[in-house]
Amino acid sequence: MTKWWDNVNESTQWQDGIFFSLCGAYALVSAIALVQLVRIQMRTREYGWTTQKVFHLLNFVVHGVRAVLFGFHHQVFLMHPKVRFGMVFDAYSSPIFHVCHH
């Protein structure tokens, strides 16, 4: 079992596959959130920005950023630590949802 993990851990092909799979999954969730936001907006324009619309907008943005981070993981890991805005945004996405919920 340990040998299998060592092979995966040292393989750039496995790591790229995992990162691109996560990129695809987050991009799918982001796209679904955008579709839901558009559907809700088309049906209920008169209500303005409701909690549900803001929730779907935040899902679209946060998961979209995560998809970009995983999709460009080679470039993201090479960036200087002071300019990792995407990483900071990703780390604070949960508190953003909490603040917007209350």
PDB file of N, CA and C in Angstrom:
ATOM      1  N   MET A   1       0.826  -1.192   0.000  1.00  0.00           N
ATOM      2  CA  MET A   1       0.000   0.000   0.000  1.00  0.00           C
ATOM      3  C   MET A   1       0.873   1.260   0.000  1.00  0.00           C
ATOM      4  N   THR A   2       1.916   1.289   0.775  1.00  0.00           N
ATOM      5  CA  THR A   2       2.799   2.445   0.842  1.00  0.00           C
ATOM      6  C   THR A   2       3.509   2.661  -0.489  1.00  0.00           C
ATOM      7  N   LYS A   3       3.876   1.591  -1.149  1.00  0.00           N
ATOM      8  CA  LYS A   3       4.566   1.710  -2.430  1.00  0.00           C
ATOM      9  C   LYS A   3       3.653   2.380  -3.469  1.00  0.00           C
ATOM     10  N   TRP A   4       2.385   2.037  -3.460  1.00  0.00           N
ATOM     11  CA  TRP A   4       1.433   2.652  -4.391  1.00  0.00           C
ATOM     12  C   TRP A   4       1.376   4.158  -4.147  1.00  0.00           C
ATOM     13  N   TRP A   5       1.288   4.556  -2.870  1.00  0.00           N
ATOM     14  CA  TRP A   5       1.214   5.977  -2.555  1.00  0.00           C
ATOM     15  C   TRP A   5       2.500   6.702  -2.947  1.00  0.00           C
ATOM     16  N   ASP A   6       3.634   6.074  -2.745  1.00  0.00           N
ATOM     17  CA  ASP A   6       4.900   6.695  -3.138  1.00  0.00           C
ATOM     18  C   ASP A   6       4.951   6.912  -4.645  1.00  0.00           C
ATOM     19  N   ASN A   7       4.445   5.940  -5.408  1.00  0.00           N
ATOM     20  CA  ASN A   7       4.400   6.091  -6.869  1.00  0.00           C
ATOM     21  C   ASN A   7       3.506   7.254  -7.274  1.00  0.00           C
ATOM     22  N   VAL A   8       2.348   7.367  -6.640  1.00  0.00           N
ATOM     23  CA  VAL A   8       1.429   8.464  -6.953  1.00  0.00           C
ATOM     24  C   VAL A   8       2.018   9.795  -6.516  1.00  0.00           C
ATOM     25  N   ASN A   9       2.598   9.819  -5.329  1.00  0.00           N
ATOM     26  CA  ASN A   9       3.130  11.058  -4.771  1.00  0.00           C
ATOM     27  C   ASN A   9       4.305  11.600  -5.585  1.00  0.00           C
ATOM     28  N   GLU A  10       5.086  10.737  -6.189  1.00  0.00           N
ATOM     29  CA  GLU A  10       6.254  11.168  -6.966  1.00  0.00           C
ATOM     30  C   GLU A  10       5.953  11.362  -8.446  1.00  0.00           C
ATOM     31  N   SER A  11       4.787  10.986  -8.895  1.00  0.00           N
ATOM     32  CA  SER A  11       4.439  11.052 -10.317  1.00  0.00           C
ATOM     33  C   SER A  11       3.796  12.392 -10.661  1.00  0.00           C
ATOM     34  N   THR A  12       4.418  13.125 -11.559  1.00  0.00           N
ATOM     35  CA  THR A  12       3.804  14.387 -12.002  1.00  0.00           C
ATOM     36  C   THR A  12       2.569  14.123 -12.857  1.00  0.00           C
ATOM     37  N   GLN A  13       2.529  12.987 -13.536  1.00  0.00           N
ATOM     38  CA  GLN A  13       1.342  12.657 -14.331  1.00  0.00           C
ATOM     39  C   GLN A  13       0.128  12.444 -13.425  1.00  0.00           C
ATOM     40  N   TRP A  14       0.301  11.727 -12.333  1.00  0.00           N
ATOM     41  CA  TRP A  14      -0.801  11.525 -11.386  1.00  0.00           C
ATOM     42  C   TRP A  14      -1.226  12.854 -10.780  1.00  0.00           C
ATOM     43  N   GLN A  15      -0.264  13.653 -10.372  1.00  0.00           N
ATOM     44  CA  GLN A  15      -0.595  14.937  -9.758  1.00  0.00           C
ATOM     45  C   GLN A  15      -1.325  15.849 -10.739  1.00  0.00           C
ATOM     46  N   ASP A  16      -0.842  15.906 -11.978  1.00  0.00           N
ATOM     47  CA  ASP A  16      -1.526  16.706 -12.993  1.00  0.00           C
ATOM     48  C   ASP A  16      -2.949  16.196 -13.213  1.00  0.00           C
ATOM     49  N   GLY A  17      -3.104  14.881 -13.286  1.00  0.00           N
ATOM     50  CA  GLY A  17      -4.436  14.302 -13.470  1.00  0.00           C
ATOM     51  C   GLY A  17      -5.378  14.656 -12.340  1.00  0.00           C
ATOM     52  N   ILE A  18      -4.882  14.590 -11.122  1.00  0.00           N
ATOM     53  CA  ILE A  18      -5.712  14.926  -9.961  1.00  0.00           C
ATOM     54  C   ILE A  18      -6.069  16.406  -9.971  1.00  0.00           C
ATOM     55  N   PHE A  19      -5.088  17.262 -10.222  1.00  0.00           N
ATOM     56  CA  PHE A  19      -5.363  18.702 -10.248  1.00  0.00           C
ATOM     57  C   PHE A  19      -6.335  19.063 -11.367  1.00  0.00           C
ATOM     58  N   PHE A  20      -6.173  18.471 -12.534  1.00  0.00           N
ATOM     59  CA  PHE A  20      -7.086  18.784 -13.635  1.00  0.00           C
ATOM     60  C   PHE A  20      -8.480  18.213 -13.392  1.00  0.00           C
ATOM     61  N   SER A  21      -8.562  17.080 -12.701  1.00  0.00           N
ATOM     62  CA  SER A  21      -9.873  16.540 -12.323  1.00  0.00           C
ATOM     63  C   SER A  21     -10.582  17.478 -11.351  1.00  0.00           C
ATOM     64  N   LEU A  22      -9.830  17.983 -10.373  1.00  0.00           N
ATOM     65  CA  LEU A  22     -10.410  18.953  -9.443  1.00  0.00           C
ATOM     66  C   LEU A  22     -10.806  20.236 -10.162  1.00  0.00           C
ATOM     67  N   CYS A  23     -10.002  20.657 -11.119  1.00  0.00           N
ATOM     68  CA  CYS A  23     -10.332  21.832 -11.928  1.00  0.00           C
ATOM     69  C   CYS A  23     -11.662  21.621 -12.646  1.00  0.00           C
ATOM     70  N   GLY A  24     -11.822  20.467 -13.260  1.00  0.00           N
ATOM     71  CA  GLY A  24     -13.066  20.164 -13.957  1.00  0.00           C
ATOM     72  C   GLY A  24     -14.265  20.106 -13.033  1.00  0.00           C
ATOM     73  N   ALA A  25     -14.080  19.509 -11.859  1.00  0.00           N
ATOM     74  CA  ALA A  25     -15.182  19.406 -10.910  1.00  0.00           C
ATOM     75  C   ALA A  25     -15.609  20.792 -10.413  1.00  0.00           C
ATOM     76  N   TYR A  26     -14.639  21.620 -10.055  1.00  0.00           N
ATOM     77  CA  TYR A  26     -14.979  22.966  -9.592  1.00  0.00           C
ATOM     78  C   TYR A  26     -15.565  23.814 -10.714  1.00  0.00           C
ATOM     79  N   ALA A  27     -15.069  23.645 -11.928  1.00  0.00           N
ATOM     80  CA  ALA A  27     -15.627  24.387 -13.063  1.00  0.00           C
ATOM     81  C   ALA A  27     -17.075  23.970 -13.316  1.00  0.00           C
ATOM     82  N   LEU A  28     -17.370  22.690 -13.163  1.00  0.00           N
ATOM     83  CA  LEU A  28     -18.738  22.210 -13.329  1.00  0.00           C
ATOM     84  C   LEU A  28     -19.663  22.816 -12.281  1.00  0.00           C
ATOM     85  N   VAL A  29     -19.238  22.816 -11.022  1.00  0.00           N
ATOM     86  CA  VAL A  29     -20.050  23.409  -9.959  1.00  0.00           C
ATOM     87  C   VAL A  29     -20.239  24.909 -10.204  1.00  0.00           C
ATOM     88  N   SER A  30     -19.190  25.581 -10.651  1.00  0.00           N
ATOM     89  CA  SER A  30     -19.278  27.005 -10.948  1.00  0.00           C
ATOM     90  C   SER A  30     -20.266  27.266 -12.081  1.00  0.00           C
ATOM     91  N   ALA A  31     -20.200  26.457 -13.114  1.00  0.00           N
ATOM     92  CA  ALA A  31     -21.114  26.623 -14.256  1.00  0.00           C
ATOM     93  C   ALA A  31     -22.562  26.373 -13.837  1.00  0.00           C
ATOM     94  N   ILE A  32     -22.780  25.362 -13.019  1.00  0.00           N
ATOM     95  CA  ILE A  32     -24.142  25.072 -12.545  1.00  0.00           C
ATOM     96  C   ILE A  32     -24.662  26.236 -11.710  1.00  0.00           C
ATOM     97  N   ALA A  33     -23.812  26.817 -10.865  1.00  0.00           N
ATOM     98  CA  ALA A  33     -24.227  27.964 -10.062  1.00  0.00           C
ATOM     99  C   ALA A  33     -24.589  29.151 -10.951  1.00  0.00           C
ATOM    100  N   LEU A  34     -23.816  29.362 -12.014  1.00  0.00           N
ATOM    101  CA  LEU A  34     -24.121  30.456 -12.939  1.00  0.00           C
ATOM    102  C   LEU A  34     -25.445  30.213 -13.657  1.00  0.00           C
ATOM    103  N   VAL A  35     -25.670  29.000 -14.098  1.00  0.00           N
ATOM    104  CA  VAL A  35     -26.937  28.670 -14.766  1.00  0.00           C
ATOM    105  C   VAL A  35     -28.105  28.898 -13.820  1.00  0.00           C
ATOM    106  N   GLN A  36     -27.960  28.461 -12.572  1.00  0.00           N
ATOM    107  CA  GLN A  36     -29.026  28.664 -11.587  1.00  0.00           C
ATOM    108  C   GLN A  36     -29.267  30.149 -11.341  1.00  0.00           C
ATOM    109  N   LEU A  37     -28.194  30.914 -11.245  1.00  0.00           N
ATOM    110  CA  LEU A  37     -28.338  32.353 -11.037  1.00  0.00           C
ATOM    111  C   LEU A  37     -29.096  32.995 -12.191  1.00  0.00           C
ATOM    112  N   VAL A  38     -28.751  32.641 -13.398  1.00  0.00           N
ATOM    113  CA  VAL A  38     -29.428  33.205 -14.575  1.00  0.00           C
ATOM    114  C   VAL A  38     -30.895  32.771 -14.601  1.00  0.00           C
ATOM    115  N   ARG A  39     -31.162  31.503 -14.317  1.00  0.00           N
ATOM    116  CA  ARG A  39     -32.553  31.008 -14.303  1.00  0.00           C
ATOM    117  C   ARG A  39     -33.392  31.758 -13.282  1.00  0.00           C
ATOM    118  N   ILE A  40     -32.846  31.924 -12.074  1.00  0.00           N
ATOM    119  CA  ILE A  40     -33.595  32.607 -11.023  1.00  0.00           C
ATOM    120  C   ILE A  40     -33.802  34.080 -11.390  1.00  0.00           C
ATOM    121  N   GLN A  41     -32.771  34.707 -11.946  1.00  0.00           N
ATOM    122  CA  GLN A  41     -32.880  36.111 -12.331  1.00  0.00           C
ATOM    123  C   GLN A  41     -33.926  36.297 -13.429  1.00  0.00           C
ATOM    124  N   MET A  42     -33.982  35.374 -14.362  1.00  0.00           N
ATOM    125  CA  MET A  42     -34.959  35.499 -15.455  1.00  0.00           C
ATOM    126  C   MET A  42     -36.393  35.373 -14.935  1.00  0.00           C
ATOM    127  N   ARG A  43     -36.596  34.591 -13.883  1.00  0.00           N
ATOM    128  CA  ARG A  43     -37.951  34.395 -13.352  1.00  0.00           C
ATOM    129  C   ARG A  43     -38.358  35.438 -12.324  1.00  0.00           C
ATOM    130  N   THR A  44     -37.388  36.003 -11.609  1.00  0.00           N
ATOM    131  CA  THR A  44     -37.741  36.909 -10.502  1.00  0.00           C
ATOM    132  C   THR A  44     -36.941  38.201 -10.550  1.00  0.00           C
ATOM    133  N   ARG A  45     -37.003  38.891 -11.653  1.00  0.00           N
ATOM    134  CA  ARG A  45     -36.273  40.161 -11.781  1.00  0.00           C
ATOM    135  C   ARG A  45     -36.774  41.207 -10.792  1.00  0.00           C
ATOM    136  N   GLU A  46     -38.045  41.185 -10.519  1.00  0.00           N
ATOM    137  CA  GLU A  46     -38.653  42.236  -9.704  1.00  0.00           C
ATOM    138  C   GLU A  46     -38.209  42.222  -8.238  1.00  0.00           C
ATOM    139  N   TYR A  47     -37.604  41.131  -7.780  1.00  0.00           N
ATOM    140  CA  TYR A  47     -37.179  41.039  -6.379  1.00  0.00           C
ATOM    141  C   TYR A  47     -35.780  41.578  -6.125  1.00  0.00           C
ATOM    142  N   GLY A  48     -35.034  41.889  -7.151  1.00  0.00           N
ATOM    143  CA  GLY A  48     -33.671  42.384  -6.964  1.00  0.00           C
ATOM    144  C   GLY A  48     -32.732  41.268  -6.528  1.00  0.00           C
ATOM    145  N   TRP A  49     -31.716  41.633  -5.744  1.00  0.00           N
ATOM    146  CA  TRP A  49     -30.722  40.659  -5.301  1.00  0.00           C
ATOM    147  C   TRP A  49     -31.175  40.002  -4.007  1.00  0.00           C
ATOM    148  N   THR A  50     -31.689  38.789  -4.135  1.00  0.00           N
ATOM    149  CA  THR A  50     -32.133  38.031  -2.974  1.00  0.00           C
ATOM    150  C   THR A  50     -30.962  37.236  -2.401  1.00  0.00           C
ATOM    151  N   THR A  51     -31.168  36.656  -1.247  1.00  0.00           N
ATOM    152  CA  THR A  51     -30.141  35.825  -0.615  1.00  0.00           C
ATOM    153  C   THR A  51     -29.768  34.656  -1.517  1.00  0.00           C
ATOM    154  N   GLN A  52     -30.746  34.074  -2.163  1.00  0.00           N
ATOM    155  CA  GLN A  52     -30.487  32.933  -3.049  1.00  0.00           C
ATOM    156  C   GLN A  52     -29.628  33.343  -4.241  1.00  0.00           C
ATOM    157  N   LYS A  53     -29.894  34.503  -4.808  1.00  0.00           N
ATOM    158  CA  LYS A  53     -29.103  34.975  -5.940  1.00  0.00           C
ATOM    159  C   LYS A  53     -27.662  35.277  -5.523  1.00  0.00           C
ATOM    160  N   VAL A  54     -27.495  35.895  -4.369  1.00  0.00           N
ATOM    161  CA  VAL A  54     -26.151  36.190  -3.869  1.00  0.00           C
ATOM    162  C   VAL A  54     -25.402  34.894  -3.589  1.00  0.00           C
ATOM    163  N   PHE A  55     -26.098  33.906  -3.032  1.00  0.00           N
ATOM    164  CA  PHE A  55     -25.487  32.612  -2.760  1.00  0.00           C
ATOM    165  C   PHE A  55     -24.969  31.971  -4.045  1.00  0.00           C
ATOM    166  N   HIS A  56     -25.771  31.973  -5.095  1.00  0.00           N
ATOM    167  CA  HIS A  56     -25.346  31.381  -6.362  1.00  0.00           C
ATOM    168  C   HIS A  56     -24.224  32.203  -7.006  1.00  0.00           C
ATOM    169  N   LEU A  57     -24.274  33.516  -6.866  1.00  0.00           N
ATOM    170  CA  LEU A  57     -23.195  34.346  -7.391  1.00  0.00           C
ATOM    171  C   LEU A  57     -21.880  34.028  -6.680  1.00  0.00           C
ATOM    172  N   LEU A  58     -21.908  33.914  -5.359  1.00  0.00           N
ATOM    173  CA  LEU A  58     -20.702  33.587  -4.605  1.00  0.00           C
ATOM    174  C   LEU A  58     -20.198  32.186  -4.943  1.00  0.00           C
ATOM    175  N   ASN A  59     -21.116  31.245  -5.119  1.00  0.00           N
ATOM    176  CA  ASN A  59     -20.708  29.903  -5.541  1.00  0.00           C
ATOM    177  C   ASN A  59     -20.006  29.955  -6.893  1.00  0.00           C
ATOM    178  N   PHE A  60     -20.557  30.725  -7.816  1.00  0.00           N
ATOM    179  CA  PHE A  60     -19.949  30.858  -9.138  1.00  0.00           C
ATOM    180  C   PHE A  60     -18.538  31.432  -9.037  1.00  0.00           C
ATOM    181  N   VAL A  61     -18.380  32.501  -8.265  1.00  0.00           N
ATOM    182  CA  VAL A  61     -17.075  33.159  -8.161  1.00  0.00           C
ATOM    183  C   VAL A  61     -16.064  32.282  -7.437  1.00  0.00           C
ATOM    184  N   VAL A  62     -16.421  31.770  -6.270  1.00  0.00           N
ATOM    185  CA  VAL A  62     -15.484  31.002  -5.450  1.00  0.00           C
ATOM    186  C   VAL A  62     -15.050  29.719  -6.156  1.00  0.00           C
ATOM    187  N   HIS A  63     -16.007  28.986  -6.704  1.00  0.00           N
ATOM    188  CA  HIS A  63     -15.646  27.744  -7.382  1.00  0.00           C
ATOM    189  C   HIS A  63     -14.933  28.014  -8.702  1.00  0.00           C
ATOM    190  N   GLY A  64     -15.246  29.134  -9.336  1.00  0.00           N
ATOM    191  CA  GLY A  64     -14.507  29.518 -10.538  1.00  0.00           C
ATOM    192  C   GLY A  64     -13.058  29.825 -10.240  1.00  0.00           C
ATOM    193  N   VAL A  65     -12.807  30.535  -9.131  1.00  0.00           N
ATOM    194  CA  VAL A  65     -11.423  30.821  -8.725  1.00  0.00           C
ATOM    195  C   VAL A  65     -10.697  29.527  -8.409  1.00  0.00           C
ATOM    196  N   ARG A  66     -11.360  28.625  -7.709  1.00  0.00           N
ATOM    197  CA  ARG A  66     -10.728  27.344  -7.393  1.00  0.00           C
ATOM    198  C   ARG A  66     -10.416  26.557  -8.656  1.00  0.00           C
ATOM    199  N   ALA A  67     -11.312  26.582  -9.630  1.00  0.00           N
ATOM    200  CA  ALA A  67     -11.059  25.875 -10.892  1.00  0.00           C
ATOM    201  C   ALA A  67      -9.835  26.459 -11.594  1.00  0.00           C
ATOM    202  N   VAL A  68      -9.724  27.777 -11.603  1.00  0.00           N
ATOM    203  CA  VAL A  68      -8.569  28.422 -12.228  1.00  0.00           C
ATOM    204  C   VAL A  68      -7.286  28.057 -11.484  1.00  0.00           C
ATOM    205  N   LEU A  69      -7.333  28.073 -10.160  1.00  0.00           N
ATOM    206  CA  LEU A  69      -6.149  27.726  -9.374  1.00  0.00           C
ATOM    207  C   LEU A  69      -5.692  26.301  -9.647  1.00  0.00           C
ATOM    208  N   PHE A  70      -6.625  25.366  -9.714  1.00  0.00           N
ATOM    209  CA  PHE A  70      -6.248  23.980  -9.996  1.00  0.00           C
ATOM    210  C   PHE A  70      -5.847  23.801 -11.456  1.00  0.00           C
ATOM    211  N   GLY A  71      -6.482  24.545 -12.364  1.00  0.00           N
ATOM    212  CA  GLY A  71      -6.150  24.426 -13.775  1.00  0.00           C
ATOM    213  C   GLY A  71      -4.767  24.957 -14.111  1.00  0.00           C
ATOM    214  N   PHE A  72      -4.361  26.008 -13.423  1.00  0.00           N
ATOM    215  CA  PHE A  72      -3.046  26.606 -13.650  1.00  0.00           C
ATOM    216  C   PHE A  72      -2.115  26.340 -12.473  1.00  0.00           C
ATOM    217  N   HIS A  73      -2.195  25.147 -11.911  1.00  0.00           N
ATOM    218  CA  HIS A  73      -1.450  24.847 -10.688  1.00  0.00           C
ATOM    219  C   HIS A  73       0.062  24.990 -10.859  1.00  0.00           C
ATOM    220  N   HIS A  74       0.602  24.710 -12.029  1.00  0.00           N
ATOM    221  CA  HIS A  74       2.048  24.870 -12.225  1.00  0.00           C
ATOM    222  C   HIS A  74       2.459  26.335 -12.051  1.00  0.00           C
ATOM    223  N   GLN A  75       1.705  27.239 -12.657  1.00  0.00           N
ATOM    224  CA  GLN A  75       2.021  28.658 -12.558  1.00  0.00           C
ATOM    225  C   GLN A  75       1.735  29.201 -11.159  1.00  0.00           C
ATOM    226  N   VAL A  76       0.666  28.699 -10.516  1.00  0.00           N
ATOM    227  CA  VAL A  76       0.302  29.174  -9.182  1.00  0.00           C
ATOM    228  C   VAL A  76       1.375  28.800  -8.177  1.00  0.00           C
ATOM    229  N   PHE A  77       1.904  27.578  -8.269  1.00  0.00           N
ATOM    230  CA  PHE A  77       2.915  27.138  -7.309  1.00  0.00           C
ATOM    231  C   PHE A  77       4.248  27.856  -7.502  1.00  0.00           C
ATOM    232  N   LEU A  78       4.490  28.414  -8.680  1.00  0.00           N
ATOM    233  CA  LEU A  78       5.730  29.136  -8.932  1.00  0.00           C
ATOM    234  C   LEU A  78       5.662  30.608  -8.524  1.00  0.00           C
ATOM    235  N   MET A  79       4.462  31.104  -8.217  1.00  0.00           N
ATOM    236  CA  MET A  79       4.298  32.513  -7.881  1.00  0.00           C
ATOM    237  C   MET A  79       4.957  32.840  -6.546  1.00  0.00           C
ATOM    238  N   HIS A  80       5.355  34.074  -6.429  1.00  0.00           N
ATOM    239  CA  HIS A  80       5.908  34.563  -5.164  1.00  0.00           C
ATOM    240  C   HIS A  80       4.781  34.565  -4.122  1.00  0.00           C
ATOM    241  N   PRO A  81       5.050  34.188  -2.883  1.00  0.00           N
ATOM    242  CA  PRO A  81       3.990  34.095  -1.871  1.00  0.00           C
ATOM    243  C   PRO A  81       3.196  35.373  -1.657  1.00  0.00           C
ATOM    244  N   LYS A  82       3.793  36.541  -1.878  1.00  0.00           N
ATOM    245  CA  LYS A  82       3.087  37.792  -1.627  1.00  0.00           C
ATOM    246  C   LYS A  82       1.999  38.079  -2.663  1.00  0.00           C
ATOM    247  N   VAL A  83       2.035  37.404  -3.787  1.00  0.00           N
ATOM    248  CA  VAL A  83       1.069  37.707  -4.837  1.00  0.00           C
ATOM    249  C   VAL A  83       0.069  36.577  -5.053  1.00  0.00           C
ATOM    250  N   ARG A  84      -0.128  35.764  -4.088  1.00  0.00           N
ATOM    251  CA  ARG A  84      -1.079  34.655  -4.210  1.00  0.00           C
ATOM    252  C   ARG A  84      -2.471  35.091  -3.767  1.00  0.00           C
ATOM    253  N   PHE A  85      -3.011  36.068  -4.450  1.00  0.00           N
ATOM    254  CA  PHE A  85      -4.348  36.568  -4.129  1.00  0.00           C
ATOM    255  C   PHE A  85      -5.375  35.459  -4.241  1.00  0.00           C
ATOM    256  N   GLY A  86      -5.257  34.633  -5.256  1.00  0.00           N
ATOM    257  CA  GLY A  86      -6.213  33.545  -5.447  1.00  0.00           C
ATOM    258  C   GLY A  86      -6.227  32.587  -4.282  1.00  0.00           C
ATOM    259  N   MET A  87      -5.054  32.288  -3.740  1.00  0.00           N
ATOM    260  CA  MET A  87      -4.982  31.394  -2.586  1.00  0.00           C
ATOM    261  C   MET A  87      -5.647  32.032  -1.366  1.00  0.00           C
ATOM    262  N   VAL A  88      -5.417  33.328  -1.180  1.00  0.00           N
ATOM    263  CA  VAL A  88      -6.025  34.026  -0.044  1.00  0.00           C
ATOM    264  C   VAL A  88      -7.538  34.057  -0.217  1.00  0.00           C
ATOM    265  N   PHE A  89      -7.996  34.378  -1.414  1.00  0.00           N
ATOM    266  CA  PHE A  89      -9.433  34.412  -1.677  1.00  0.00           C
ATOM    267  C   PHE A  89     -10.046  33.044  -1.449  1.00  0.00           C
ATOM    268  N   ASP A  90      -9.354  32.015  -1.891  1.00  0.00           N
ATOM    269  CA  ASP A  90      -9.850  30.653  -1.712  1.00  0.00           C
ATOM    270  C   ASP A  90      -9.945  30.288  -0.239  1.00  0.00           C
ATOM    271  N   ALA A  91      -8.963  30.700   0.545  1.00  0.00           N
ATOM    272  CA  ALA A  91      -8.948  30.378   1.973  1.00  0.00           C
ATOM    273  C   ALA A  91     -10.059  31.109   2.723  1.00  0.00           C
ATOM    274  N   TYR A  92     -10.412  32.305   2.267  1.00  0.00           N
ATOM    275  CA  TYR A  92     -11.420  33.091   2.966  1.00  0.00           C
ATOM    276  C   TYR A  92     -12.817  32.965   2.355  1.00  0.00           C
ATOM    277  N   SER A  93     -13.021  32.027   1.476  1.00  0.00           N
ATOM    278  CA  SER A  93     -14.335  31.883   0.858  1.00  0.00           C
ATOM    279  C   SER A  93     -15.390  31.439   1.863  1.00  0.00           C
ATOM    280  N   SER A  94     -15.027  30.595   2.790  1.00  0.00           N
ATOM    281  CA  SER A  94     -15.988  30.134   3.790  1.00  0.00           C
ATOM    282  C   SER A  94     -16.468  31.274   4.685  1.00  0.00           C
ATOM    283  N   PRO A  95     -15.571  32.118   5.224  1.00  0.00           N
ATOM    284  CA  PRO A  95     -16.056  33.262   6.012  1.00  0.00           C
ATOM    285  C   PRO A  95     -16.906  34.234   5.198  1.00  0.00           C
ATOM    286  N   ILE A  96     -16.612  34.375   3.911  1.00  0.00           N
ATOM    287  CA  ILE A  96     -17.423  35.257   3.064  1.00  0.00           C
ATOM    288  C   ILE A  96     -18.860  34.750   3.022  1.00  0.00           C
ATOM    289  N   PHE A  97     -19.044  33.437   2.850  1.00  0.00           N
ATOM    290  CA  PHE A  97     -20.381  32.866   2.844  1.00  0.00           C
ATOM    291  C   PHE A  97     -21.059  33.077   4.194  1.00  0.00           C
ATOM    292  N   HIS A  98     -20.301  32.924   5.266  1.00  0.00           N
ATOM    293  CA  HIS A  98     -20.882  33.068   6.603  1.00  0.00           C
ATOM    294  C   HIS A  98     -21.356  34.501   6.835  1.00  0.00           C
ATOM    295  N   VAL A  99     -20.565  35.487   6.449  1.00  0.00           N
ATOM    296  CA  VAL A  99     -20.928  36.884   6.635  1.00  0.00           C
ATOM    297  C   VAL A  99     -22.146  37.227   5.788  1.00  0.00           C
ATOM    298  N   CYS A 100     -22.194  36.742   4.565  1.00  0.00           N
ATOM    299  CA  CYS A 100     -23.322  37.055   3.684  1.00  0.00           C
ATOM    300  C   CYS A 100     -24.599  36.356   4.115  1.00  0.00           C
ATOM    301  N   HIS A 101     -24.465  35.272   4.832  1.00  0.00           N
ATOM    302  CA  HIS A 101     -25.645  34.528   5.262  1.00  0.00           C
ATOM    303  C   HIS A 101     -26.360  35.244   6.398  1.00  0.00           C
ATOM    304  N   HIS A 102     -25.614  35.972   7.234  1.00  0.00           N
ATOM    305  CA  HIS A 102     -26.226  36.624   8.408  1.00  0.00           C
ATOM    306  C   HIS A 102     -26.547  38.037   8.155  1.00  0.00           C
TER     307      HIS A 102
END
